[in-house]
Amino acid sequence: MLDWAHTGVNITVGGNGGPECTAYLSMTKRILETIFVMGLTAPLLKWGLRNLSPIPVVQEHPVDPFGKRLLLVLMTLIFGIEIGFKFSSKTVIFLLNPCHVTTALQIYLLAAPPSKQVGAVFRFHLNCMNGAVLALGFPELDALNASLKWKT
């Protein structure tokens, strides 16, 4: 039923799915690691929420710079092309990668008017930014199928 989302993934490459990837960790180890991480992050999240400072939203004369709109249009266009490629290569599952989620957040931040919610999303988005640097520094490209090659 959901073949369109994952059939283009090359599972012959180690770490990209298949029986070996599925059996890498036992269910017991997965559950224990999940409990450990949740136990560690829950108090940190509680502490962080208590210590957040309010986000001031002061904008007397709203200015809509041309560069911001141009960046929004370009990012939306390129992200739309990327989404189209994911659907055509049947690798839609890769849209859940952190870099794609961060791009969607950035498009939202560029399009939304200033508010406290946008400020909160911006703060969250800053924590996601290291993923793009890691992806550029250590690219993992061997699992991608070149389904849209030029025919000669």
N, C-alpha and C. Protein backbone atom coordinates (compact mmCIF):
# COMPACT_ATOMS: atom_id res chain seq x y z
N MET A 1 0.82 -1.19 0.00
CA MET A 1 0.00 0.00 0.00
C MET A 1 0.87 1.26 0.00
N LEU A 2 1.94 1.24 0.73
CA LEU A 2 2.82 2.41 0.78
C LEU A 2 4.09 2.20 -0.02
N ASP A 3 4.01 1.42 -1.08
CA ASP A 3 5.19 1.15 -1.90
C ASP A 3 5.78 2.42 -2.50
N TRP A 4 4.96 3.41 -2.79
CA TRP A 4 5.43 4.65 -3.37
C TRP A 4 6.38 5.40 -2.43
N ALA A 5 6.36 5.07 -1.15
CA ALA A 5 7.17 5.80 -0.18
C ALA A 5 8.56 5.22 0.01
N HIS A 6 8.76 3.94 -0.31
CA HIS A 6 10.05 3.35 0.05
C HIS A 6 10.63 2.37 -0.96
N THR A 7 9.95 2.06 -2.05
CA THR A 7 10.48 1.04 -2.96
C THR A 7 11.73 1.49 -3.70
N GLY A 8 12.00 2.77 -3.79
CA GLY A 8 13.21 3.25 -4.47
C GLY A 8 14.45 3.22 -3.60
N VAL A 9 14.31 2.87 -2.34
CA VAL A 9 15.46 2.83 -1.43
C VAL A 9 16.30 1.60 -1.76
N ASN A 10 17.59 1.80 -1.92
CA ASN A 10 18.50 0.71 -2.25
C ASN A 10 18.91 0.01 -0.97
N ILE A 11 18.25 -1.11 -0.65
CA ILE A 11 18.53 -1.80 0.61
C ILE A 11 19.76 -2.69 0.54
N THR A 12 20.39 -2.78 -0.64
CA THR A 12 21.62 -3.57 -0.72
C THR A 12 22.80 -2.83 -0.10
N VAL A 13 22.67 -1.53 0.06
CA VAL A 13 23.72 -0.74 0.72
C VAL A 13 23.52 -0.86 2.22
N GLY A 14 24.58 -1.19 2.92
CA GLY A 14 24.49 -1.37 4.37
C GLY A 14 23.97 -0.14 5.08
N GLY A 15 23.08 -0.34 6.03
CA GLY A 15 22.54 0.76 6.81
C GLY A 15 21.34 1.45 6.20
N ASN A 16 20.85 0.97 5.08
CA ASN A 16 19.71 1.61 4.43
C ASN A 16 18.48 0.73 4.37
N GLY A 17 18.35 -0.16 5.30
CA GLY A 17 17.17 -1.02 5.34
C GLY A 17 17.53 -2.46 5.08
N GLY A 18 16.53 -3.27 4.98
CA GLY A 18 16.74 -4.69 4.75
C GLY A 18 16.80 -5.46 6.05
N PRO A 19 16.90 -6.77 5.96
CA PRO A 19 16.88 -7.61 7.16
C PRO A 19 18.04 -7.35 8.12
N GLU A 20 19.23 -7.09 7.57
CA GLU A 20 20.39 -6.84 8.44
C GLU A 20 20.19 -5.56 9.25
N CYS A 21 19.67 -4.54 8.61
CA CYS A 21 19.44 -3.27 9.29
C CYS A 21 18.35 -3.42 10.35
N THR A 22 17.31 -4.16 10.02
CA THR A 22 16.21 -4.36 10.96
C THR A 22 16.66 -5.15 12.18
N ALA A 23 17.52 -6.13 11.97
CA ALA A 23 17.95 -7.00 13.07
C ALA A 23 19.20 -6.48 13.78
N TYR A 24 19.63 -5.27 13.47
CA TYR A 24 20.87 -4.75 14.06
C TYR A 24 20.75 -4.65 15.58
N LEU A 25 19.64 -4.14 16.07
CA LEU A 25 19.40 -4.06 17.51
C LEU A 25 18.21 -4.93 17.88
N SER A 26 18.32 -5.61 18.99
CA SER A 26 17.19 -6.41 19.46
C SER A 26 16.10 -5.48 19.99
N MET A 27 14.88 -5.98 20.07
CA MET A 27 13.76 -5.17 20.57
C MET A 27 14.01 -4.76 22.01
N THR A 28 14.60 -5.64 22.81
CA THR A 28 14.89 -5.31 24.21
C THR A 28 15.84 -4.13 24.30
N LYS A 29 16.90 -4.16 23.48
CA LYS A 29 17.87 -3.06 23.51
C LYS A 29 17.22 -1.76 23.03
N ARG A 30 16.37 -1.83 22.02
CA ARG A 30 15.69 -0.63 21.55
C ARG A 30 14.81 -0.03 22.64
N ILE A 31 14.08 -0.88 23.34
CA ILE A 31 13.20 -0.40 24.41
C ILE A 31 14.01 0.20 25.55
N LEU A 32 15.09 -0.47 25.94
CA LEU A 32 15.94 0.05 27.02
C LEU A 32 16.57 1.38 26.65
N GLU A 33 17.06 1.50 25.42
CA GLU A 33 17.65 2.77 24.98
C GLU A 33 16.60 3.87 24.93
N THR A 34 15.40 3.54 24.50
CA THR A 34 14.33 4.53 24.46
C THR A 34 13.98 5.02 25.85
N ILE A 35 13.86 4.11 26.80
CA ILE A 35 13.56 4.48 28.19
C ILE A 35 14.68 5.34 28.75
N PHE A 36 15.93 4.97 28.48
CA PHE A 36 17.07 5.74 28.98
C PHE A 36 17.06 7.16 28.43
N VAL A 37 16.89 7.29 27.12
CA VAL A 37 16.91 8.61 26.50
C VAL A 37 15.73 9.46 26.96
N MET A 38 14.55 8.86 27.07
CA MET A 38 13.37 9.60 27.56
C MET A 38 13.57 10.04 29.00
N GLY A 39 14.15 9.17 29.82
CA GLY A 39 14.43 9.52 31.21
C GLY A 39 15.44 10.64 31.33
N LEU A 40 16.36 10.71 30.39
CA LEU A 40 17.37 11.76 30.40
C LEU A 40 16.82 13.09 29.86
N THR A 41 16.03 13.02 28.81
CA THR A 41 15.56 14.25 28.17
C THR A 41 14.34 14.86 28.84
N ALA A 42 13.50 14.08 29.48
CA ALA A 42 12.29 14.63 30.11
C ALA A 42 12.62 15.68 31.16
N PRO A 43 13.55 15.43 32.11
CA PRO A 43 13.88 16.48 33.06
C PRO A 43 14.54 17.70 32.40
N LEU A 44 15.34 17.46 31.37
CA LEU A 44 15.96 18.59 30.67
C LEU A 44 14.92 19.43 29.95
N LEU A 45 13.93 18.79 29.36
CA LEU A 45 12.85 19.52 28.71
C LEU A 45 12.04 20.31 29.72
N LYS A 46 11.75 19.71 30.85
CA LYS A 46 11.00 20.40 31.90
C LYS A 46 11.79 21.62 32.39
N TRP A 47 13.09 21.45 32.61
CA TRP A 47 13.94 22.56 33.06
C TRP A 47 13.98 23.66 32.00
N GLY A 48 14.11 23.27 30.73
CA GLY A 48 14.17 24.26 29.66
C GLY A 48 12.88 25.05 29.51
N LEU A 49 11.75 24.37 29.64
CA LEU A 49 10.47 25.07 29.52
C LEU A 49 10.25 26.05 30.67
N ARG A 50 10.74 25.71 31.86
CA ARG A 50 10.60 26.63 33.00
C ARG A 50 11.49 27.86 32.84
N ASN A 51 12.62 27.71 32.17
CA ASN A 51 13.59 28.80 32.09
C ASN A 51 13.57 29.57 30.78
N LEU A 52 12.56 29.35 29.96
CA LEU A 52 12.47 30.11 28.72
C LEU A 52 12.11 31.55 29.01
N SER A 53 12.79 32.45 28.33
CA SER A 53 12.43 33.86 28.47
C SER A 53 11.36 34.19 27.44
N PRO A 54 10.47 35.13 27.77
CA PRO A 54 9.41 35.48 26.81
C PRO A 54 10.01 36.11 25.55
N ILE A 55 9.34 35.88 24.46
CA ILE A 55 9.80 36.39 23.17
C ILE A 55 9.09 37.72 22.90
N PRO A 56 9.85 38.82 22.87
CA PRO A 56 9.20 40.10 22.56
C PRO A 56 8.90 40.20 21.06
N VAL A 57 7.70 40.65 20.76
CA VAL A 57 7.31 40.86 19.37
C VAL A 57 6.96 42.34 19.23
N VAL A 58 7.92 43.11 18.74
CA VAL A 58 7.72 44.53 18.56
C VAL A 58 8.03 44.87 17.10
N GLN A 59 7.01 45.28 16.39
CA GLN A 59 7.20 45.68 15.01
C GLN A 59 6.17 46.75 14.70
N GLU A 60 6.63 48.00 14.75
CA GLU A 60 5.72 49.11 14.54
C GLU A 60 5.39 49.30 13.06
N HIS A 61 6.40 49.21 12.22
CA HIS A 61 6.22 49.38 10.79
C HIS A 61 6.68 48.11 10.09
N PRO A 62 5.74 47.24 9.74
CA PRO A 62 6.17 45.99 9.11
C PRO A 62 6.89 46.25 7.78
N VAL A 63 8.05 45.68 7.66
CA VAL A 63 8.84 45.83 6.45
C VAL A 63 8.96 44.45 5.80
N ASP A 64 8.66 44.38 4.54
CA ASP A 64 8.76 43.12 3.82
C ASP A 64 9.89 43.25 2.80
N PRO A 65 11.11 42.89 3.20
CA PRO A 65 12.23 43.08 2.28
C PRO A 65 12.15 42.17 1.06
N PHE A 66 12.65 42.69 -0.05
CA PHE A 66 12.63 41.95 -1.30
C PHE A 66 13.45 40.67 -1.20
N GLY A 67 14.59 40.74 -0.52
CA GLY A 67 15.47 39.58 -0.40
C GLY A 67 14.80 38.42 0.33
N LYS A 68 13.99 38.74 1.33
CA LYS A 68 13.28 37.70 2.08
C LYS A 68 12.29 36.98 1.18
N ARG A 69 11.54 37.74 0.38
CA ARG A 69 10.56 37.14 -0.53
C ARG A 69 11.26 36.33 -1.62
N LEU A 70 12.38 36.85 -2.13
CA LEU A 70 13.13 36.13 -3.15
C LEU A 70 13.65 34.80 -2.59
N LEU A 71 14.19 34.83 -1.38
CA LEU A 71 14.67 33.61 -0.74
C LEU A 71 13.52 32.62 -0.52
N LEU A 72 12.37 33.12 -0.12
CA LEU A 72 11.20 32.26 0.08
C LEU A 72 10.79 31.58 -1.23
N VAL A 73 10.74 32.34 -2.31
CA VAL A 73 10.36 31.78 -3.60
C VAL A 73 11.38 30.74 -4.06
N LEU A 74 12.67 31.06 -3.95
CA LEU A 74 13.71 30.13 -4.39
C LEU A 74 13.72 28.85 -3.56
N MET A 75 13.62 29.00 -2.24
CA MET A 75 13.62 27.81 -1.37
C MET A 75 12.40 26.94 -1.64
N THR A 76 11.25 27.57 -1.83
CA THR A 76 10.03 26.81 -2.10
C THR A 76 10.13 26.08 -3.44
N LEU A 77 10.67 26.75 -4.44
CA LEU A 77 10.83 26.14 -5.76
C LEU A 77 11.78 24.94 -5.69
N ILE A 78 12.93 25.13 -5.07
CA ILE A 78 13.92 24.05 -4.98
C ILE A 78 13.39 22.91 -4.12
N PHE A 79 12.72 23.22 -3.03
CA PHE A 79 12.17 22.17 -2.18
C PHE A 79 11.06 21.41 -2.91
N GLY A 80 10.27 22.12 -3.70
CA GLY A 80 9.25 21.46 -4.50
C GLY A 80 9.85 20.51 -5.53
N ILE A 81 10.96 20.92 -6.14
CA ILE A 81 11.66 20.04 -7.08
C ILE A 81 12.18 18.80 -6.34
N GLU A 82 12.72 19.00 -5.15
CA GLU A 82 13.22 17.88 -4.35
C GLU A 82 12.09 16.92 -3.99
N ILE A 83 10.95 17.46 -3.62
CA ILE A 83 9.80 16.60 -3.29
C ILE A 83 9.35 15.83 -4.53
N GLY A 84 9.33 16.50 -5.67
CA GLY A 84 8.98 15.81 -6.92
C GLY A 84 9.95 14.69 -7.24
N PHE A 85 11.24 14.93 -7.01
CA PHE A 85 12.24 13.89 -7.24
C PHE A 85 12.02 12.71 -6.30
N LYS A 86 11.70 13.00 -5.04
CA LYS A 86 11.47 11.91 -4.08
C LYS A 86 10.27 11.05 -4.51
N PHE A 87 9.22 11.70 -5.00
CA PHE A 87 8.06 10.93 -5.46
C PHE A 87 8.39 10.13 -6.72
N SER A 88 9.13 10.73 -7.64
CA SER A 88 9.42 10.02 -8.89
C SER A 88 10.39 8.86 -8.67
N SER A 89 11.28 8.98 -7.71
CA SER A 89 12.23 7.89 -7.43
C SER A 89 11.73 6.94 -6.35
N LYS A 90 10.52 7.17 -5.87
CA LYS A 90 9.88 6.35 -4.83
C LYS A 90 10.72 6.26 -3.56
N THR A 91 11.28 7.40 -3.18
CA THR A 91 12.05 7.47 -1.93
C THR A 91 11.47 8.56 -1.03
N VAL A 92 10.15 8.63 -0.97
CA VAL A 92 9.47 9.66 -0.19
C VAL A 92 9.83 9.56 1.29
N ILE A 93 10.19 8.38 1.75
CA ILE A 93 10.56 8.18 3.15
C ILE A 93 11.72 9.09 3.54
N PHE A 94 12.60 9.44 2.58
CA PHE A 94 13.74 10.29 2.88
C PHE A 94 13.32 11.74 3.15
N LEU A 95 12.07 12.12 2.88
CA LEU A 95 11.61 13.47 3.22
C LEU A 95 11.54 13.68 4.73
N LEU A 96 11.62 12.60 5.50
CA LEU A 96 11.63 12.72 6.96
C LEU A 96 13.03 12.93 7.51
N ASN A 97 14.03 13.00 6.63
CA ASN A 97 15.39 13.31 7.09
C ASN A 97 15.41 14.70 7.71
N PRO A 98 16.26 14.91 8.71
CA PRO A 98 16.29 16.21 9.39
C PRO A 98 16.54 17.40 8.47
N CYS A 99 17.32 17.22 7.42
CA CYS A 99 17.59 18.35 6.54
C CYS A 99 16.33 18.81 5.82
N HIS A 100 15.46 17.87 5.44
CA HIS A 100 14.22 18.24 4.77
C HIS A 100 13.23 18.87 5.75
N VAL A 101 13.18 18.36 6.96
CA VAL A 101 12.31 18.94 7.98
C VAL A 101 12.76 20.36 8.30
N THR A 102 14.08 20.57 8.40
CA THR A 102 14.61 21.91 8.67
C THR A 102 14.29 22.86 7.53
N THR A 103 14.37 22.39 6.30
CA THR A 103 14.03 23.23 5.16
C THR A 103 12.56 23.63 5.20
N ALA A 104 11.68 22.70 5.55
CA ALA A 104 10.26 23.03 5.68
C ALA A 104 10.04 24.06 6.78
N LEU A 105 10.76 23.94 7.89
CA LEU A 105 10.66 24.93 8.96
C LEU A 105 11.13 26.30 8.48
N GLN A 106 12.22 26.34 7.72
CA GLN A 106 12.73 27.61 7.22
C GLN A 106 11.75 28.27 6.26
N ILE A 107 11.10 27.48 5.42
CA ILE A 107 10.09 28.04 4.52
C ILE A 107 8.94 28.62 5.32
N TYR A 108 8.52 27.91 6.36
CA TYR A 108 7.46 28.43 7.23
C TYR A 108 7.89 29.74 7.89
N LEU A 109 9.12 29.79 8.39
CA LEU A 109 9.61 30.99 9.07
C LEU A 109 9.68 32.18 8.12
N LEU A 110 10.03 31.94 6.88
CA LEU A 110 10.08 33.03 5.91
C LEU A 110 8.69 33.52 5.52
N ALA A 111 7.71 32.63 5.54
CA ALA A 111 6.36 32.99 5.07
C ALA A 111 5.47 33.56 6.18
N ALA A 112 5.71 33.17 7.42
CA ALA A 112 4.81 33.54 8.52
C ALA A 112 5.10 34.96 9.01
N PRO A 113 4.05 35.68 9.42
CA PRO A 113 4.27 37.00 10.02
C PRO A 113 4.85 36.84 11.43
N PRO A 114 5.57 37.84 11.92
CA PRO A 114 6.18 37.73 13.25
C PRO A 114 5.13 37.50 14.34
N SER A 115 5.41 36.55 15.22
CA SER A 115 4.55 36.26 16.36
C SER A 115 5.38 35.48 17.37
N LYS A 116 4.78 35.23 18.54
CA LYS A 116 5.48 34.44 19.55
C LYS A 116 5.68 33.00 19.08
N GLN A 117 4.70 32.47 18.38
CA GLN A 117 4.82 31.11 17.86
C GLN A 117 5.97 31.01 16.86
N VAL A 118 6.09 31.98 15.98
CA VAL A 118 7.17 31.98 15.00
C VAL A 118 8.51 32.09 15.72
N GLY A 119 8.57 32.88 16.78
CA GLY A 119 9.80 32.97 17.57
C GLY A 119 10.17 31.64 18.20
N ALA A 120 9.18 30.92 18.69
CA ALA A 120 9.43 29.61 19.30
C ALA A 120 9.90 28.61 18.24
N VAL A 121 9.27 28.64 17.06
CA VAL A 121 9.70 27.74 15.98
C VAL A 121 11.12 28.09 15.55
N PHE A 122 11.44 29.40 15.52
CA PHE A 122 12.80 29.82 15.17
C PHE A 122 13.81 29.29 16.17
N ARG A 123 13.50 29.36 17.45
CA ARG A 123 14.42 28.84 18.47
C ARG A 123 14.62 27.34 18.30
N PHE A 124 13.55 26.61 18.03
CA PHE A 124 13.67 25.17 17.79
C PHE A 124 14.50 24.90 16.54
N HIS A 125 14.26 25.69 15.51
CA HIS A 125 14.95 25.53 14.24
C HIS A 125 16.46 25.71 14.40
N LEU A 126 16.87 26.59 15.29
CA LEU A 126 18.31 26.78 15.50
C LEU A 126 18.98 25.51 16.01
N ASN A 127 18.25 24.71 16.78
CA ASN A 127 18.81 23.45 17.28
C ASN A 127 18.94 22.41 16.18
N CYS A 128 18.24 22.59 15.09
CA CYS A 128 18.30 21.63 13.98
C CYS A 128 19.39 21.97 12.97
N MET A 129 19.99 23.14 13.09
CA MET A 129 20.91 23.61 12.06
C MET A 129 22.19 22.80 11.95
N ASN A 130 22.62 22.15 13.01
CA ASN A 130 23.88 21.40 12.91
C ASN A 130 23.74 20.20 11.98
N GLY A 131 22.54 19.73 11.74
CA GLY A 131 22.33 18.59 10.84
C GLY A 131 22.75 18.90 9.41
N ALA A 132 22.49 20.11 8.96
CA ALA A 132 22.88 20.48 7.59
C ALA A 132 24.39 20.51 7.45
N VAL A 133 25.08 21.01 8.46
CA VAL A 133 26.54 21.05 8.42
C VAL A 133 27.10 19.63 8.39
N LEU A 134 26.53 18.74 9.20
CA LEU A 134 26.98 17.35 9.21
C LEU A 134 26.71 16.67 7.86
N ALA A 135 25.56 16.95 7.27
CA ALA A 135 25.22 16.34 5.98
C ALA A 135 26.17 16.82 4.88
N LEU A 136 26.57 18.08 4.94
CA LEU A 136 27.51 18.58 3.95
C LEU A 136 28.91 18.02 4.18
N GLY A 137 29.28 17.86 5.44
CA GLY A 137 30.62 17.35 5.76
C GLY A 137 30.77 15.86 5.52
N PHE A 138 29.71 15.10 5.75
CA PHE A 138 29.75 13.65 5.61
C PHE A 138 28.58 13.16 4.77
N PRO A 139 28.60 13.41 3.46
CA PRO A 139 27.45 13.02 2.63
C PRO A 139 27.33 11.51 2.49
N GLU A 140 26.10 11.05 2.48
CA GLU A 140 25.78 9.63 2.30
C GLU A 140 24.98 9.53 1.01
N LEU A 141 25.65 9.28 -0.09
CA LEU A 141 24.99 9.32 -1.39
C LEU A 141 24.89 7.96 -2.07
N ASP A 142 25.52 6.94 -1.51
CA ASP A 142 25.55 5.66 -2.20
C ASP A 142 24.21 4.94 -2.20
N ALA A 143 23.27 5.36 -1.39
CA ALA A 143 21.97 4.70 -1.34
C ALA A 143 20.96 5.32 -2.29
N LEU A 144 21.30 6.43 -2.90
CA LEU A 144 20.36 7.09 -3.80
C LEU A 144 20.36 6.42 -5.16
N ASN A 145 19.21 6.19 -5.69
CA ASN A 145 19.09 5.64 -7.03
C ASN A 145 19.05 6.78 -8.03
N ALA A 146 19.77 6.64 -9.10
CA ALA A 146 19.75 7.66 -10.15
C ALA A 146 18.68 7.28 -11.17
N SER A 147 17.44 7.47 -10.80
CA SER A 147 16.34 7.04 -11.67
C SER A 147 16.02 8.07 -12.75
N LEU A 148 16.55 9.25 -12.63
CA LEU A 148 16.24 10.29 -13.61
C LEU A 148 17.47 10.63 -14.45
N LYS A 149 18.19 9.62 -14.91
CA LYS A 149 19.38 9.85 -15.72
C LYS A 149 18.97 10.30 -17.12
N TRP A 150 19.86 11.08 -17.74
CA TRP A 150 19.64 11.50 -19.11
C TRP A 150 19.91 10.32 -20.03
N LYS A 151 19.02 10.09 -20.94
CA LYS A 151 19.22 9.01 -21.91
C LYS A 151 19.94 9.58 -23.13
N THR A 152 20.97 8.86 -23.56
CA THR A 152 21.73 9.34 -24.73
C THR A 152 21.57 8.41 -25.91
